Protein backbone atom coordinates (compact mmCIF):
# COMPACT_ATOMS: atom_id res chain seq x y z
CA MET A 1 3.51 -0.50 0.26
CA LEU A 2 5.18 -3.15 -1.84
CA ILE A 3 5.15 -2.80 -5.61
CA VAL A 4 5.83 -5.79 -7.83
CA HIS A 5 6.35 -5.53 -11.58
CA VAL A 6 5.88 -8.96 -13.10
CA HIS A 7 7.38 -9.17 -16.59
CA VAL A 8 5.69 -11.74 -18.79
CA TYR A 9 6.65 -12.71 -22.34
CA VAL A 10 3.86 -14.54 -24.14
CA LEU A 11 4.07 -16.70 -27.22
CA PRO A 12 2.63 -14.63 -30.12
CA GLU A 13 -0.28 -16.97 -30.78
CA TYR A 14 -1.48 -16.56 -27.17
CA VAL A 15 -1.43 -12.77 -26.80
CA GLU A 16 -5.21 -12.33 -26.91
CA ALA A 17 -5.91 -15.35 -24.69
CA PHE A 18 -3.31 -14.13 -22.21
CA LYS A 19 -4.90 -10.69 -22.10
CA ALA A 20 -8.36 -12.17 -21.50
CA ALA A 21 -7.20 -14.45 -18.67
CA THR A 22 -5.10 -11.71 -17.10
CA ILE A 23 -7.96 -9.20 -17.12
CA VAL A 24 -10.10 -11.72 -15.22
CA ASN A 25 -7.32 -12.17 -12.67
CA ALA A 26 -6.71 -8.41 -12.34
CA SER A 27 -10.40 -7.57 -11.95
CA ASN A 28 -10.65 -10.08 -9.10
CA SER A 29 -7.32 -9.00 -7.59
CA VAL A 30 -8.36 -5.36 -7.15
CA ARG A 31 -11.20 -6.59 -4.94
CA GLU A 32 -8.69 -8.02 -2.46
CA GLU A 33 -8.37 -5.87 0.65
CA GLY A 34 -4.57 -5.99 0.56
CA ILE A 35 -4.21 -4.81 -3.03
CA ALA A 36 -4.18 -1.08 -3.70
CA ARG A 37 -3.66 -1.36 -7.45
CA PHE A 38 -3.30 -4.02 -10.13
CA ASP A 39 -2.49 -2.82 -13.65
CA VAL A 40 -1.94 -4.88 -16.78
CA ILE A 41 0.20 -3.08 -19.35
CA GLN A 42 1.45 -4.16 -22.76
CA ASP A 43 4.70 -3.08 -24.39
CA GLU A 44 4.03 -1.01 -27.54
CA ALA A 45 7.31 -2.08 -29.15
CA ASP A 46 6.87 -5.77 -28.29
CA PRO A 47 3.19 -6.80 -27.97
CA THR A 48 4.22 -10.16 -26.50
CA HIS A 49 5.72 -8.38 -23.45
CA PHE A 50 3.40 -7.53 -20.58
CA VAL A 51 4.03 -6.05 -17.16
CA LEU A 52 1.69 -6.61 -14.25
CA ASN A 53 2.01 -3.64 -11.90
CA GLU A 54 0.85 -4.98 -8.53
CA VAL A 55 0.69 -2.62 -5.54
CA TYR A 56 0.23 -4.34 -2.20
CA ARG A 57 -0.56 -2.76 1.15
CA SER A 58 1.74 -5.23 2.94
CA VAL A 59 4.01 -8.21 2.41
CA GLU A 60 1.27 -10.38 3.93
CA ALA A 61 -1.08 -9.26 1.16
CA THR A 62 1.29 -10.75 -1.43
CA VAL A 63 1.03 -14.10 0.32
CA ALA A 64 -2.77 -13.87 0.58
CA HIS A 65 -3.03 -13.01 -3.12
CA LYS A 66 -1.18 -16.16 -4.13
CA GLU A 67 -3.63 -18.23 -2.05
CA THR A 68 -6.71 -17.06 -3.97
CA ALA A 69 -8.59 -19.27 -6.39
CA HIS A 70 -8.48 -16.63 -9.13
CA TYR A 71 -4.67 -16.41 -8.93
CA ALA A 72 -4.34 -20.21 -9.11
CA ALA A 73 -6.68 -20.34 -12.10
CA TRP A 74 -4.72 -17.56 -13.84
CA ARG A 75 -1.34 -19.19 -13.13
CA ASP A 76 -2.47 -22.57 -14.41
CA THR A 77 -4.09 -21.06 -17.51
CA VAL A 78 -1.30 -18.72 -18.63
CA THR A 79 1.85 -20.67 -17.75
CA PRO A 80 1.71 -22.73 -20.97
CA MET A 81 1.25 -19.48 -22.93
CA MET A 82 4.54 -18.00 -21.78
CA ALA A 83 7.65 -17.84 -23.95
CA LYS A 84 9.75 -17.94 -20.77
CA PRO A 85 9.06 -17.92 -17.02
CA ARG A 86 7.63 -14.69 -15.64
CA THR A 87 10.03 -12.43 -13.74
CA PRO A 88 8.98 -10.39 -10.70
CA VAL A 89 10.87 -7.24 -9.68
CA ARG A 90 10.06 -5.82 -6.24
CA PHE A 91 10.02 -2.10 -5.39
CA THR A 92 9.15 0.10 -2.43
CA GLU A 93 7.42 3.42 -2.94
CA VAL A 94 9.32 6.67 -2.60
CA TYR A 95 6.53 9.08 -3.47
CA PRO A 96 3.70 9.48 -2.74
CA PRO A 97 3.85 8.23 0.84
CA ALA A 98 1.76 5.14 1.55
CA GLU A 99 -0.61 7.06 3.78
CA GLU A 100 -1.76 9.05 0.72
CA TRP A 101 -2.98 5.88 -1.05
């Protein structure tokens, strides 16, 4: 498993539009065979800060995800909404073991 937390800071006037576009992307992403989980979470203290919690079954699945039409549409739609470029942070799972997913 590969877990990626993508930190996104959105311009305040685009928060609702960002959420709408990101929900469309996430709902399509969870249908991908290589994605075990795709959460969209919003910071309570800073509503312009979002984290996408993406859990992939393999490194190859991360590549396949970025080749989908829904990812390209999301990227092109939300990039102008961002206050600064998004920042991915990669993790590997410690517990539970991948075979329990």
